[in-house]
Amino acid sequence: MPGPAQHGPHILCLTLLLLATTGCSLVESPKSAARRFTRMFTPNGRDWTDPAHEDHGEWDFVGDEGRAEFGREQDPDPWYGKHLMSDKARSIERNLGIDY
């Protein structure tokens, strides 16, 4: 049975070979590492949503109280309001008494 001293050079060569091959494939160039690092902190438009464009209906009572003596108006061109206006804009006009 061979002793540990006989396996030492073989294990050392195998360790150096594994470190050299895996290290070279894992290390990237400084330029690409810096690019990846700066891209990590650059804001992206898909990372968040703007709550100003969302309508939760929390102010719907304002138009009912403020314009109680007036009847609701019907928009003569409902296509514009349904397809081109944002939800927030429709909510504002709904509060002013304009329906689509």
N, C-alpha and C. Protein backbone atom coordinates (compact mmCIF):
# COMPACT_ATOMS: atom_id res chain seq x y z
N MET A 1 0.86 -1.17 0.00
CA MET A 1 0.00 0.00 0.00
C MET A 1 0.90 1.23 0.00
N PRO A 2 0.70 2.14 -0.98
CA PRO A 2 1.55 3.32 -1.05
C PRO A 2 1.19 4.31 0.05
N GLY A 3 2.16 4.99 0.52
CA GLY A 3 1.96 5.97 1.60
C GLY A 3 1.52 7.32 1.06
N PRO A 4 1.19 8.24 1.96
CA PRO A 4 0.71 9.54 1.55
C PRO A 4 1.78 10.37 0.83
N ALA A 5 3.01 10.09 1.05
CA ALA A 5 4.08 10.86 0.40
C ALA A 5 4.14 10.55 -1.09
N GLN A 6 3.76 9.36 -1.49
CA GLN A 6 3.80 9.01 -2.90
C GLN A 6 2.65 9.65 -3.69
N HIS A 7 1.54 9.91 -3.04
CA HIS A 7 0.39 10.52 -3.71
C HIS A 7 0.45 12.05 -3.71
N GLY A 8 1.32 12.62 -2.94
CA GLY A 8 1.43 14.07 -2.80
C GLY A 8 1.63 14.80 -4.12
N PRO A 9 2.62 14.42 -4.95
CA PRO A 9 2.83 15.13 -6.21
C PRO A 9 1.65 14.96 -7.18
N HIS A 10 1.03 13.80 -7.18
CA HIS A 10 -0.12 13.59 -8.07
C HIS A 10 -1.31 14.47 -7.65
N ILE A 11 -1.56 14.52 -6.37
CA ILE A 11 -2.67 15.35 -5.87
C ILE A 11 -2.37 16.82 -6.12
N LEU A 12 -1.12 17.23 -5.94
CA LEU A 12 -0.73 18.61 -6.17
C LEU A 12 -0.91 18.98 -7.65
N CYS A 13 -0.48 18.11 -8.56
CA CYS A 13 -0.65 18.38 -9.99
C CYS A 13 -2.14 18.43 -10.37
N LEU A 14 -2.92 17.51 -9.85
CA LEU A 14 -4.35 17.49 -10.13
C LEU A 14 -5.03 18.74 -9.59
N THR A 15 -4.65 19.18 -8.41
CA THR A 15 -5.23 20.39 -7.81
C THR A 15 -4.86 21.62 -8.64
N LEU A 16 -3.62 21.75 -9.06
CA LEU A 16 -3.20 22.88 -9.87
C LEU A 16 -3.91 22.88 -11.24
N LEU A 17 -4.05 21.71 -11.81
CA LEU A 17 -4.74 21.60 -13.08
C LEU A 17 -6.20 22.02 -12.96
N LEU A 18 -6.90 21.56 -11.91
CA LEU A 18 -8.30 21.94 -11.70
C LEU A 18 -8.44 23.42 -11.40
N LEU A 19 -7.55 23.98 -10.61
CA LEU A 19 -7.62 25.41 -10.30
C LEU A 19 -7.36 26.26 -11.53
N ALA A 20 -6.44 25.85 -12.36
CA ALA A 20 -6.10 26.63 -13.55
C ALA A 20 -7.24 26.59 -14.56
N THR A 21 -7.86 25.46 -14.76
CA THR A 21 -8.91 25.37 -15.77
C THR A 21 -10.22 26.00 -15.30
N THR A 22 -10.58 25.80 -14.05
CA THR A 22 -11.83 26.41 -13.58
C THR A 22 -11.66 27.90 -13.33
N GLY A 23 -10.51 28.33 -12.89
CA GLY A 23 -10.29 29.75 -12.63
C GLY A 23 -10.34 30.57 -13.90
N CYS A 24 -9.77 30.07 -14.97
CA CYS A 24 -9.76 30.81 -16.23
C CYS A 24 -11.16 30.94 -16.82
N SER A 25 -11.98 29.95 -16.62
CA SER A 25 -13.32 30.02 -17.19
C SER A 25 -14.26 30.85 -16.32
N LEU A 26 -13.94 31.04 -15.06
CA LEU A 26 -14.81 31.81 -14.18
C LEU A 26 -14.49 33.29 -14.17
N VAL A 27 -13.26 33.66 -14.42
CA VAL A 27 -12.85 35.06 -14.35
C VAL A 27 -13.18 35.74 -15.67
N GLU A 28 -13.84 36.90 -15.59
CA GLU A 28 -14.16 37.64 -16.80
C GLU A 28 -13.25 38.86 -16.90
N SER A 29 -13.25 39.48 -18.04
CA SER A 29 -12.37 40.62 -18.24
C SER A 29 -12.85 41.79 -17.36
N PRO A 30 -11.94 42.68 -16.99
CA PRO A 30 -12.34 43.81 -16.14
C PRO A 30 -13.37 44.71 -16.83
N LYS A 31 -13.28 44.83 -18.13
CA LYS A 31 -14.22 45.68 -18.86
C LYS A 31 -15.65 45.11 -18.77
N SER A 32 -15.80 43.82 -18.99
CA SER A 32 -17.13 43.22 -18.92
C SER A 32 -17.63 43.17 -17.48
N ALA A 33 -16.74 43.00 -16.51
CA ALA A 33 -17.15 43.01 -15.11
C ALA A 33 -17.63 44.40 -14.70
N ALA A 34 -16.93 45.45 -15.16
CA ALA A 34 -17.37 46.81 -14.85
C ALA A 34 -18.69 47.13 -15.52
N ARG A 35 -18.88 46.66 -16.76
CA ARG A 35 -20.13 46.89 -17.48
C ARG A 35 -21.29 46.20 -16.76
N ARG A 36 -21.06 44.97 -16.32
CA ARG A 36 -22.10 44.24 -15.60
C ARG A 36 -22.42 44.91 -14.27
N PHE A 37 -21.39 45.43 -13.59
CA PHE A 37 -21.58 46.10 -12.31
C PHE A 37 -22.38 47.39 -12.48
N THR A 38 -22.07 48.19 -13.50
CA THR A 38 -22.82 49.43 -13.70
C THR A 38 -24.24 49.14 -14.20
N ARG A 39 -24.42 48.10 -14.99
CA ARG A 39 -25.76 47.74 -15.47
C ARG A 39 -26.65 47.29 -14.31
N MET A 40 -26.04 46.76 -13.26
CA MET A 40 -26.79 46.30 -12.12
C MET A 40 -27.44 47.48 -11.39
N PHE A 41 -26.80 48.66 -11.41
CA PHE A 41 -27.33 49.83 -10.70
C PHE A 41 -28.02 50.83 -11.62
N THR A 42 -28.13 50.54 -12.90
CA THR A 42 -28.82 51.42 -13.83
C THR A 42 -30.31 51.12 -13.78
N PRO A 43 -31.15 52.14 -13.54
CA PRO A 43 -32.59 51.85 -13.46
C PRO A 43 -33.14 51.44 -14.81
N ASN A 44 -34.08 50.55 -14.75
CA ASN A 44 -34.73 50.03 -15.94
C ASN A 44 -36.21 50.43 -15.89
N GLY A 45 -36.79 50.78 -17.02
CA GLY A 45 -38.18 51.18 -17.05
C GLY A 45 -39.15 50.09 -16.66
N ARG A 46 -38.76 48.87 -16.77
CA ARG A 46 -39.64 47.76 -16.41
C ARG A 46 -39.52 47.37 -14.95
N ASP A 47 -38.64 48.03 -14.19
CA ASP A 47 -38.43 47.66 -12.80
C ASP A 47 -39.53 48.15 -11.86
N TRP A 48 -40.29 49.14 -12.26
CA TRP A 48 -41.30 49.69 -11.37
C TRP A 48 -42.47 50.20 -12.21
N THR A 49 -43.58 50.40 -11.54
CA THR A 49 -44.75 50.96 -12.20
C THR A 49 -45.05 52.32 -11.58
N ASP A 50 -45.59 53.21 -12.36
CA ASP A 50 -45.92 54.55 -11.90
C ASP A 50 -47.32 54.53 -11.30
N PRO A 51 -47.45 54.77 -10.00
CA PRO A 51 -48.79 54.71 -9.39
C PRO A 51 -49.69 55.86 -9.82
N ALA A 52 -49.15 56.88 -10.48
CA ALA A 52 -49.98 57.99 -10.92
C ALA A 52 -50.92 57.58 -12.04
N HIS A 53 -50.61 56.51 -12.76
CA HIS A 53 -51.45 56.07 -13.86
C HIS A 53 -52.50 55.04 -13.43
N GLU A 54 -52.50 54.69 -12.18
CA GLU A 54 -53.46 53.70 -11.70
C GLU A 54 -54.67 54.40 -11.08
N ASP A 55 -55.83 53.82 -11.28
CA ASP A 55 -57.06 54.38 -10.73
C ASP A 55 -57.64 53.38 -9.74
N HIS A 56 -57.72 53.80 -8.49
CA HIS A 56 -58.27 52.93 -7.46
C HIS A 56 -59.67 53.37 -7.03
N GLY A 57 -60.15 54.49 -7.58
CA GLY A 57 -61.50 54.94 -7.29
C GLY A 57 -61.67 55.58 -5.92
N GLU A 58 -60.60 56.00 -5.28
CA GLU A 58 -60.74 56.55 -3.93
C GLU A 58 -61.30 57.97 -3.93
N TRP A 59 -61.31 58.64 -5.09
CA TRP A 59 -61.83 60.01 -5.16
C TRP A 59 -63.13 60.10 -5.96
N ASP A 60 -63.81 59.01 -6.15
CA ASP A 60 -65.04 59.03 -6.95
C ASP A 60 -66.17 59.81 -6.28
N PHE A 61 -66.14 59.95 -4.98
CA PHE A 61 -67.21 60.66 -4.28
C PHE A 61 -67.15 62.18 -4.51
N VAL A 62 -66.02 62.70 -4.93
CA VAL A 62 -65.85 64.15 -5.07
C VAL A 62 -66.81 64.72 -6.11
N GLY A 63 -66.89 64.10 -7.26
CA GLY A 63 -67.80 64.59 -8.30
C GLY A 63 -69.25 64.49 -7.90
N ASP A 64 -69.61 63.47 -7.13
CA ASP A 64 -70.99 63.32 -6.69
C ASP A 64 -71.37 64.42 -5.70
N GLU A 65 -70.46 64.78 -4.82
CA GLU A 65 -70.76 65.81 -3.83
C GLU A 65 -70.66 67.22 -4.42
N GLY A 66 -69.66 67.47 -5.23
CA GLY A 66 -69.41 68.81 -5.74
C GLY A 66 -70.35 69.21 -6.87
N ARG A 67 -70.85 68.25 -7.63
CA ARG A 67 -71.73 68.56 -8.77
C ARG A 67 -73.09 67.88 -8.58
N ALA A 68 -73.59 67.89 -7.38
CA ALA A 68 -74.84 67.17 -7.09
C ALA A 68 -76.04 67.79 -7.81
N GLU A 69 -76.03 69.10 -8.04
CA GLU A 69 -77.18 69.73 -8.68
C GLU A 69 -77.16 69.60 -10.20
N PHE A 70 -76.05 69.16 -10.78
CA PHE A 70 -75.94 69.01 -12.23
C PHE A 70 -76.13 67.55 -12.63
N GLY A 71 -76.71 67.35 -13.79
CA GLY A 71 -76.84 65.99 -14.31
C GLY A 71 -75.54 65.52 -14.95
N ARG A 72 -75.42 64.26 -15.13
CA ARG A 72 -74.22 63.70 -15.75
C ARG A 72 -74.27 63.94 -17.25
N GLU A 73 -73.13 64.25 -17.83
CA GLU A 73 -73.03 64.49 -19.27
C GLU A 73 -72.56 63.24 -19.98
N GLN A 74 -73.00 63.07 -21.19
CA GLN A 74 -72.56 61.96 -22.02
C GLN A 74 -71.65 62.50 -23.11
N ASP A 75 -70.47 61.93 -23.24
CA ASP A 75 -69.52 62.39 -24.26
C ASP A 75 -70.04 62.00 -25.64
N PRO A 76 -70.06 62.94 -26.59
CA PRO A 76 -70.56 62.60 -27.93
C PRO A 76 -69.60 61.71 -28.73
N ASP A 77 -68.35 61.66 -28.34
CA ASP A 77 -67.37 60.81 -29.03
C ASP A 77 -66.75 59.84 -28.02
N PRO A 78 -67.43 58.75 -27.68
CA PRO A 78 -66.93 57.86 -26.63
C PRO A 78 -65.71 57.05 -27.04
N TRP A 79 -65.43 56.95 -28.34
CA TRP A 79 -64.28 56.16 -28.78
C TRP A 79 -62.98 56.74 -28.23
N TYR A 80 -62.87 58.06 -28.25
CA TYR A 80 -61.65 58.73 -27.76
C TYR A 80 -61.42 58.40 -26.28
N GLY A 81 -62.47 58.52 -25.50
CA GLY A 81 -62.32 58.29 -24.06
C GLY A 81 -62.05 56.84 -23.71
N LYS A 82 -62.60 55.93 -24.49
CA LYS A 82 -62.42 54.51 -24.17
C LYS A 82 -61.08 53.97 -24.62
N HIS A 83 -60.56 54.46 -25.73
CA HIS A 83 -59.38 53.83 -26.31
C HIS A 83 -58.10 54.66 -26.22
N LEU A 84 -58.21 55.98 -26.10
CA LEU A 84 -57.01 56.80 -26.11
C LEU A 84 -56.67 57.42 -24.76
N MET A 85 -57.63 57.52 -23.87
CA MET A 85 -57.39 58.14 -22.57
C MET A 85 -56.92 57.10 -21.57
N SER A 86 -56.10 57.55 -20.64
CA SER A 86 -55.64 56.65 -19.58
C SER A 86 -56.75 56.45 -18.55
N ASP A 87 -56.57 55.47 -17.70
CA ASP A 87 -57.55 55.22 -16.64
C ASP A 87 -57.65 56.41 -15.70
N LYS A 88 -56.50 57.04 -15.44
CA LYS A 88 -56.49 58.19 -14.55
C LYS A 88 -57.28 59.35 -15.15
N ALA A 89 -57.11 59.61 -16.45
CA ALA A 89 -57.85 60.69 -17.11
C ALA A 89 -59.34 60.40 -17.14
N ARG A 90 -59.71 59.14 -17.39
CA ARG A 90 -61.13 58.77 -17.36
C ARG A 90 -61.71 58.95 -15.97
N SER A 91 -60.92 58.65 -14.94
CA SER A 91 -61.38 58.83 -13.57
C SER A 91 -61.62 60.31 -13.27
N ILE A 92 -60.74 61.17 -13.74
CA ILE A 92 -60.91 62.61 -13.52
C ILE A 92 -62.17 63.10 -14.21
N GLU A 93 -62.37 62.70 -15.46
CA GLU A 93 -63.57 63.14 -16.17
C GLU A 93 -64.83 62.52 -15.59
N ARG A 94 -64.75 61.33 -15.08
CA ARG A 94 -65.90 60.71 -14.42
C ARG A 94 -66.26 61.50 -13.16
N ASN A 95 -65.25 61.98 -12.43
CA ASN A 95 -65.49 62.80 -11.25
C ASN A 95 -66.09 64.15 -11.61
N LEU A 96 -65.83 64.65 -12.83
CA LEU A 96 -66.40 65.92 -13.28
C LEU A 96 -67.80 65.75 -13.85
N GLY A 97 -68.27 64.51 -13.94
CA GLY A 97 -69.63 64.27 -14.40
C GLY A 97 -69.74 63.93 -15.85
N ILE A 98 -68.67 63.46 -16.47
CA ILE A 98 -68.68 63.10 -17.89
C ILE A 98 -68.57 61.59 -17.99
N ASP A 99 -69.52 60.97 -18.64
CA ASP A 99 -69.51 59.52 -18.83
C ASP A 99 -69.18 59.19 -20.28
N TYR A 100 -68.69 57.97 -20.49
CA TYR A 100 -68.35 57.50 -21.84
C TYR A 100 -69.23 56.34 -22.21
